[in-house]
Protein backbone atom coordinates (compact mmCIF):
# COMPACT_ATOMS: atom_id res chain seq x y z
CA MET A 1 57.73 -29.49 81.77
CA ARG A 2 59.26 -26.06 81.94
CA ILE A 3 59.37 -24.80 78.37
CA ALA A 4 61.26 -21.60 77.63
CA GLN A 5 59.50 -19.60 74.92
CA VAL A 6 61.95 -17.22 73.22
CA CYS A 7 60.42 -14.60 70.94
CA SER A 8 61.69 -11.31 69.50
CA ALA A 9 58.23 -9.95 68.65
CA THR A 10 57.60 -6.25 69.18
CA HIS A 11 53.88 -6.66 69.82
CA ARG A 12 51.47 -9.54 70.36
CA ILE A 13 49.28 -8.50 67.45
CA TYR A 14 51.12 -10.27 64.63
CA GLY A 15 50.55 -13.85 63.51
CA ALA A 16 53.60 -15.57 65.02
CA ALA A 17 53.15 -13.88 68.39
CA GLN A 18 49.41 -14.54 68.39
CA SER A 19 50.01 -18.22 67.68
CA LEU A 20 52.62 -18.39 70.44
CA THR A 21 50.21 -16.78 72.91
CA ILE A 22 47.56 -19.39 72.10
CA LEU A 23 50.14 -22.19 72.41
CA ALA A 24 51.61 -20.99 75.72
CA THR A 25 48.16 -20.41 77.21
CA GLY A 26 47.12 -23.93 76.26
CA LEU A 27 50.33 -25.45 77.61
CA ARG A 28 49.81 -23.60 80.89
CA GLU A 29 46.23 -24.86 81.13
CA VAL A 30 47.39 -28.49 80.95
CA GLY A 31 50.02 -27.97 83.66
CA HIS A 32 53.24 -26.89 81.93
CA ASP A 33 55.26 -23.79 82.80
CA CYS A 34 56.19 -21.39 79.99
CA PRO A 35 58.58 -18.63 81.02
CA PHE A 36 59.05 -16.10 78.22
CA PHE A 37 62.36 -14.67 77.06
CA THR A 38 61.67 -11.46 75.18
CA PHE A 39 63.79 -8.66 73.73
CA GLU A 40 64.50 -5.69 75.96
CA GLY A 41 62.72 -2.47 75.05
CA LYS A 42 59.81 -4.09 73.22
CA PRO A 43 56.21 -3.82 74.48
CA TYR A 44 55.78 -7.57 73.99
CA THR A 45 57.40 -8.15 77.41
CA GLU A 46 54.69 -6.28 79.31
CA GLU A 47 51.97 -7.71 77.08
CA MET A 48 52.92 -11.24 78.11
CA ARG A 49 53.25 -10.26 81.77
CA ALA A 50 49.74 -8.83 81.58
CA LEU A 51 48.59 -12.31 80.53
CA GLY A 52 50.18 -13.77 83.66
CA PHE A 53 53.40 -15.14 82.15
CA ASP A 54 56.83 -14.78 83.72
CA ALA A 55 58.73 -12.70 81.13
CA HIS A 56 62.49 -12.07 81.14
CA PRO A 57 63.63 -9.26 78.81
CA VAL A 58 67.10 -9.75 77.35
CA ARG A 59 69.11 -7.05 75.61
CA VAL A 60 69.96 -8.29 72.10
CA ARG A 61 72.05 -5.90 70.01
CA ALA A 62 72.96 -8.02 67.00
CA LYS A 63 71.78 -10.98 64.94
CA ILE A 64 74.14 -13.06 67.10
CA ASP A 65 74.93 -11.36 70.42
CA PRO A 66 77.45 -13.19 72.67
CA ILE A 67 76.39 -11.24 75.77
CA ALA A 68 72.70 -12.04 75.17
CA ILE A 69 73.57 -15.69 74.58
CA SER A 70 75.48 -15.82 77.87
CA ARG A 71 72.55 -14.28 79.76
CA LEU A 72 70.08 -16.70 78.16
CA MET A 73 72.28 -19.66 79.12
CA ARG A 74 72.38 -18.46 82.72
CA LEU A 75 68.61 -17.92 82.87
CA TYR A 76 67.86 -21.32 81.30
CA ARG A 77 69.97 -23.00 83.96
CA GLU A 78 68.65 -20.94 86.85
CA LEU A 79 65.05 -21.74 85.88
CA LYS A 80 65.86 -25.41 85.20
CA VAL A 81 64.36 -25.28 81.72
CA ASP A 82 63.59 -28.66 80.10
CA VAL A 83 63.08 -27.50 76.51
CA VAL A 84 63.80 -24.25 74.67
CA HIS A 85 61.29 -23.26 71.98
CA THR A 86 62.19 -20.27 69.79
CA HIS A 87 60.14 -18.17 67.39
CA LEU A 88 61.31 -15.74 64.65
CA SER A 89 64.81 -15.50 63.23
CA THR A 90 66.91 -13.43 65.65
CA SER A 91 65.44 -15.11 68.71
CA SER A 92 66.08 -18.50 67.11
CA LEU A 93 69.73 -17.75 66.39
CA ASN A 94 70.46 -16.48 69.90
CA GLY A 95 67.99 -18.65 71.80
CA CYS A 96 68.95 -21.95 70.16
CA LEU A 97 72.69 -21.31 70.35
CA ALA A 98 72.32 -20.52 74.06
CA ALA A 99 70.36 -23.76 74.53
CA LYS A 100 72.98 -25.78 72.68
CA LEU A 101 75.78 -24.35 74.81
CA ALA A 102 73.73 -25.02 77.95
CA GLY A 103 73.05 -28.60 76.88
CA ILE A 104 69.27 -28.12 76.67
CA PRO A 105 67.20 -29.52 73.76
CA CYS A 106 65.81 -26.82 71.51
CA VAL A 107 63.19 -26.54 68.79
CA ALA A 108 62.48 -23.56 66.54
CA THR A 109 59.14 -22.82 64.93
CA VAL A 110 59.52 -21.43 61.41
CA HIS A 111 56.57 -19.08 60.96
CA GLY A 112 57.42 -17.83 57.46
CA MET A 113 59.29 -18.56 54.25
CA SER A 114 62.57 -17.92 56.04
CA GLY A 115 66.21 -18.61 55.32
CA LYS A 116 67.61 -21.77 56.89
CA LEU A 117 70.59 -20.05 58.55
CA SER A 118 68.36 -18.42 61.15
CA PHE A 119 67.56 -21.87 62.53
CA ALA A 120 70.98 -23.48 62.17
CA PHE A 121 71.37 -24.19 65.91
CA ALA A 122 67.94 -25.78 66.45
CA ASP A 123 67.86 -29.51 67.20
CA ARG A 124 64.49 -29.68 65.46
CA MET A 125 62.23 -27.34 63.52
CA ILE A 126 58.47 -26.98 63.48
CA ALA A 127 57.16 -25.73 60.14
CA VAL A 128 53.73 -24.09 60.28
CA SER A 129 52.78 -25.66 56.94
CA LYS A 130 53.97 -28.27 54.46
CA GLY A 131 54.82 -25.36 52.19
CA VAL A 132 57.27 -24.02 54.78
CA ARG A 133 58.72 -27.51 55.26
CA ALA A 134 59.27 -27.86 51.50
CA HIS A 135 60.85 -24.38 51.44
CA LEU A 136 63.36 -25.44 54.12
CA ILE A 137 64.12 -28.79 52.47
CA GLY A 138 64.70 -26.92 49.22
CA GLN A 139 67.46 -25.00 51.00
CA GLY A 140 69.17 -28.20 52.06
CA VAL A 141 67.71 -28.71 55.55
CA ALA A 142 67.39 -32.41 56.34
CA ALA A 143 63.79 -33.59 56.15
CA SER A 144 64.44 -35.68 59.28
CA LYS A 145 64.83 -32.43 61.24
CA ILE A 146 61.45 -30.84 60.37
CA GLU A 147 57.93 -31.56 61.59
CA VAL A 148 54.73 -29.80 60.51
CA VAL A 149 52.39 -28.40 63.15
CA TYR A 150 49.71 -26.02 61.93
CA ASN A 151 49.00 -22.90 63.95
CA GLY A 152 45.83 -23.38 65.97
CA ILE A 153 42.91 -21.08 66.69
CA PRO A 154 40.52 -21.33 69.67
CA ASN A 155 36.81 -21.60 68.99
CA PRO A 156 35.28 -18.14 68.56
CA PRO A 157 32.73 -16.69 70.96
CA VAL A 158 29.11 -16.11 70.01
CA VAL A 159 28.87 -12.69 68.34
CA ASP A 160 25.77 -10.58 67.63
CA ARG A 161 26.00 -10.29 63.85
CA VAL A 162 23.36 -7.57 63.60
CA ALA A 163 25.19 -5.42 66.16
CA ALA A 164 28.54 -6.08 64.48
CA ARG A 165 27.27 -4.95 61.08
CA ARG A 166 25.69 -1.91 62.66
CA GLU A 167 29.02 -1.02 64.31
CA PHE A 168 30.70 -0.81 60.92
CA GLY A 169 27.80 1.04 59.29
CA PHE A 170 26.50 -1.76 57.08
CA ASP A 171 22.85 -2.12 56.14
CA GLU A 172 21.01 -5.43 56.31
CA GLY A 173 21.01 -5.73 52.52
CA ASP A 174 24.73 -5.03 52.04
CA LEU A 175 27.01 -7.77 50.71
CA VAL A 176 30.18 -7.38 52.77
CA VAL A 177 33.51 -8.67 51.48
CA GLY A 178 36.29 -8.39 54.04
CA THR A 179 39.85 -9.20 54.91
CA VAL A 180 42.05 -9.13 58.01
CA ALA A 181 45.69 -8.34 57.23
CA ARG A 182 48.49 -5.87 57.67
CA LEU A 183 48.07 -3.07 55.17
CA THR A 184 51.37 -3.69 53.40
CA PRO A 185 52.29 -4.53 49.78
CA MET A 186 53.10 -8.17 50.59
CA LYS A 187 49.47 -8.72 51.59
CA GLY A 188 48.20 -7.74 48.12
CA ILE A 189 45.70 -5.18 49.43
CA ASP A 190 45.86 -3.15 46.20
CA THR A 191 44.79 -6.25 44.25
CA LEU A 192 41.81 -6.72 46.56
CA ILE A 193 40.73 -3.09 46.20
CA ARG A 194 40.95 -3.29 42.40
CA SER A 195 39.06 -6.60 42.34
CA PHE A 196 36.39 -5.05 44.56
CA LYS A 197 36.01 -2.23 42.04
CA ILE A 198 35.21 -4.81 39.38
CA LEU A 199 32.79 -6.61 41.71
CA SER A 200 30.98 -3.42 42.75
CA ASN A 201 30.30 -2.55 39.12
CA THR A 202 28.12 -5.68 38.99
CA VAL A 203 26.98 -5.84 42.62
CA PRO A 204 25.89 -2.31 43.67
CA ASN A 205 25.23 -3.33 47.30
CA ALA A 206 28.76 -4.73 47.76
CA ARG A 207 30.89 -3.24 50.52
CA LEU A 208 34.56 -3.86 51.43
CA LEU A 209 35.80 -4.07 55.02
CA LEU A 210 39.58 -3.81 55.53
CA VAL A 211 40.65 -4.79 59.05
CA GLY A 212 44.25 -4.01 59.98
CA ASN A 213 46.80 -1.26 59.84
CA GLY A 214 50.22 -0.81 58.25
CA ASP A 215 52.53 1.47 56.35
CA GLY A 216 50.51 1.12 53.14
CA GLU A 217 47.28 2.55 54.54
CA THR A 218 47.75 6.04 53.06
CA GLU A 219 48.43 4.55 49.63
CA TYR A 220 45.36 2.28 49.81
CA ARG A 221 43.10 5.11 50.92
CA SER A 222 44.34 7.12 47.94
CA LEU A 223 43.70 4.18 45.58
CA THR A 224 40.20 3.82 47.02
CA ARG A 225 39.45 7.49 46.33
CA SER A 226 40.88 7.33 42.81
CA LEU A 227 38.57 4.40 42.01
CA GLY A 228 35.53 6.22 43.38
CA LEU A 229 35.05 3.75 46.22
CA ASP A 230 35.09 6.18 49.16
CA GLN A 231 31.55 5.30 50.22
CA LYS A 232 31.97 1.55 49.74
CA VAL A 233 35.27 0.78 51.50
CA THR A 234 35.68 0.85 55.28
CA PHE A 235 39.15 1.04 56.83
CA ALA A 236 38.51 -0.42 60.29
CA GLY A 237 42.08 -0.40 61.66
CA TYR A 238 43.49 -3.08 63.94
CA ARG A 239 40.85 -4.96 65.95
CA ASP A 240 41.33 -7.16 68.99
CA PRO A 241 39.33 -9.29 69.26
CA VAL A 242 38.72 -9.70 65.56
CA TRP A 243 35.55 -11.81 65.85
CA PRO A 244 32.99 -8.95 65.58
CA ALA A 245 34.62 -7.72 62.37
CA LEU A 246 34.54 -11.23 60.89
CA SER A 247 30.93 -11.61 61.97
CA ALA A 248 30.05 -8.51 59.95
CA MET A 249 31.34 -10.12 56.73
CA ASP A 250 29.60 -12.32 54.18
CA LEU A 251 32.72 -13.34 52.25
CA PHE A 252 36.41 -13.37 53.16
CA ALA A 253 39.12 -12.46 50.66
CA PHE A 254 42.83 -13.03 51.23
CA PRO A 255 45.01 -11.60 48.44
CA SER A 256 48.44 -12.21 50.01
CA LEU A 257 51.49 -12.53 47.75
CA LYS A 258 53.53 -14.61 50.20
CA GLU A 259 52.15 -16.56 53.14
CA ALA A 260 53.41 -19.39 55.30
CA MET A 261 49.94 -20.35 56.52
CA GLY A 262 47.51 -17.46 57.12
CA MET A 263 46.04 -17.37 60.63
CA SER A 264 43.44 -14.78 59.71
CA VAL A 265 42.11 -17.15 57.04
CA VAL A 266 41.64 -19.83 59.69
CA GLU A 267 39.87 -17.31 61.93
CA ALA A 268 37.52 -16.47 59.06
CA MET A 269 36.88 -20.16 58.46
CA MET A 270 36.10 -20.64 62.15
CA MET A 271 33.35 -18.04 61.66
CA GLY A 272 31.94 -19.98 58.71
CA LEU A 273 33.06 -17.55 56.02
CA PRO A 274 33.63 -18.93 52.51
CA THR A 275 37.00 -17.67 51.33
CA VAL A 276 38.66 -16.55 48.14
CA SER A 277 42.42 -16.79 48.63
CA THR A 278 45.55 -16.57 46.55
CA ASP A 279 47.25 -19.84 45.69
CA VAL A 280 50.60 -19.13 47.37
CA GLY A 281 52.79 -20.63 50.12
CA GLY A 282 50.85 -22.66 52.66
CA LEU A 283 47.43 -21.22 51.77
CA PRO A 284 46.36 -24.19 49.57
CA GLU A 285 46.73 -26.35 52.69
CA VAL A 286 44.26 -24.11 54.49
CA VAL A 287 41.74 -23.23 51.77
CA THR A 288 40.65 -26.41 50.03
CA SER A 289 37.73 -27.12 47.72
CA GLU A 290 35.52 -27.76 50.74
CA SER A 291 36.07 -24.28 52.20
CA GLY A 292 36.79 -21.78 49.44
CA LEU A 293 38.28 -20.88 46.09
CA LEU A 294 41.91 -20.29 45.11
CA VAL A 295 43.09 -17.73 42.55
CA PRO A 296 46.51 -16.60 41.27
CA ALA A 297 48.26 -13.79 43.13
CA ARG A 298 48.17 -10.25 41.70
CA ASP A 299 45.17 -11.13 39.50
CA GLU A 300 42.29 -8.79 40.35
CA LYS A 301 40.11 -10.15 37.54
CA ALA A 302 40.41 -13.72 38.82
CA MET A 303 39.66 -12.63 42.39
CA ALA A 304 36.67 -10.56 41.29
CA SER A 305 35.37 -13.47 39.22
CA ALA A 306 35.67 -15.88 42.15
CA LEU A 307 33.93 -13.45 44.52
CA LEU A 308 31.15 -12.92 41.98
CA ALA A 309 30.70 -16.69 41.63
CA LEU A 310 30.07 -16.90 45.38
CA VAL A 311 27.74 -13.89 45.34
CA ASN A 312 25.65 -15.50 42.59
CA ASP A 313 25.50 -19.01 44.05
CA GLU A 314 23.90 -19.01 47.49
CA LYS A 315 24.00 -22.81 47.74
CA LEU A 316 27.75 -22.90 47.06
CA ARG A 317 28.27 -20.09 49.55
CA PHE A 318 26.43 -22.05 52.25
CA GLU A 319 28.28 -25.30 51.50
CA LEU A 320 31.70 -23.65 51.56
CA GLY A 321 30.86 -21.79 54.76
CA ALA A 322 29.87 -25.00 56.51
CA GLY A 323 32.92 -26.77 55.12
CA ALA A 324 35.15 -23.93 56.30
CA THR A 325 33.96 -24.25 59.89
CA ARG A 326 34.31 -28.01 59.85
CA ARG A 327 37.83 -27.93 58.39
CA ALA A 328 39.00 -25.17 60.75
CA GLU A 329 37.83 -27.04 63.83
CA GLU A 330 39.21 -30.43 62.73
CA VAL A 331 42.58 -29.35 61.32
CA PHE A 332 43.39 -25.96 62.84
CA GLY A 333 41.89 -26.05 66.32
CA ALA A 334 44.05 -24.88 69.22
CA PRO A 335 43.83 -28.24 71.09
CA LYS A 336 45.33 -30.02 68.08
CA MET A 337 48.25 -27.56 67.88
CA ILE A 338 48.95 -27.93 71.60
CA GLU A 339 48.78 -31.73 71.50
CA GLU A 340 51.06 -31.97 68.45
CA THR A 341 53.58 -29.46 69.84
CA LEU A 342 53.79 -31.39 73.11
CA ALA A 343 54.43 -34.53 71.06
CA VAL A 344 57.32 -32.75 69.32
CA TYR A 345 58.82 -31.87 72.72
CA GLU A 346 58.48 -35.48 73.90
CA ARG A 347 60.13 -36.88 70.75
CA LEU A 348 62.92 -34.31 71.08
CA LEU A 349 63.58 -35.21 74.72
CA GLN A 350 63.51 -38.94 73.96
CA LYS A 351 65.56 -38.45 70.74
CA ASP A 352 62.87 -40.21 68.73
CA PRO A 353 62.61 -39.64 64.96
CA VAL A 354 60.40 -36.82 63.71
CA LYS A 355 56.83 -37.59 62.72
CA VAL A 356 56.33 -37.04 59.01
CA SER A 357 52.74 -36.26 58.02
């Protein structure tokens, strides 16, 4: 098939764009063609070309842009596209409407807790979690229009853990708690820093590794200083690949306040890290009793208590780490995502009912 991937991402570094890259690469490997339709002026275009994809930048000046829609229609037809697959809200509005007008089946992946209107022109929707599906149904979207396909992660490479810890300045005896997230309020980073303060009062060798960047970094550095944690918290910035940073950790913490699924949690699980996560959005579908612990959002005491429970129970830590790897590979592996997405395309083309899991 020739599957048009329409995405308004600015960079490839964020979750939705990362997931799409993994999907498109996998589809290409099994013989399908995935031309990309990106937004003019965004680095994402060149990033996808660098990965060997044919990328067509389109100028989009409004949430619904008639000129952009006309150009997309023309490109779809010229390239003889079989299916249009859109990602993120503005690209879904323009990309799906163009597909509808061109008479081409279209599906939109809903990567977050989004409003239904952004996907009004999609023939079908892919929700990245059951939580997202429920969120859409709660807005009045017909259940018969939505399928669930979890984002998939490829198996990680072998990483030298000793070298990774050395890179970040950790000693052999340090207990490293880490997270991978944008440094923004919605990710609950302040809660994690405050919970780490509580933990470090009991565990003197505890260290915190924050991987990511964002507009809240200055605020979080200031909070770290005010809590006297300067020597115990490492701001590592954005890392690609992320595997060495994960390899340097002993425990993974994910304090997000709102999350559709949480790809970085799955990456941590792939590396065998037991996880303490907030109980929000699609995260309870990812972090189960076999792979980690769930705590309420914005509750630093609960997060600190859960982290301390893992620090004090080596057997539990080992069991959850092994369970995390097993669950990540079985439920959130890239091959499974690719297979299930292809099945969505086939059902869409054949006008079969959605598969409800």
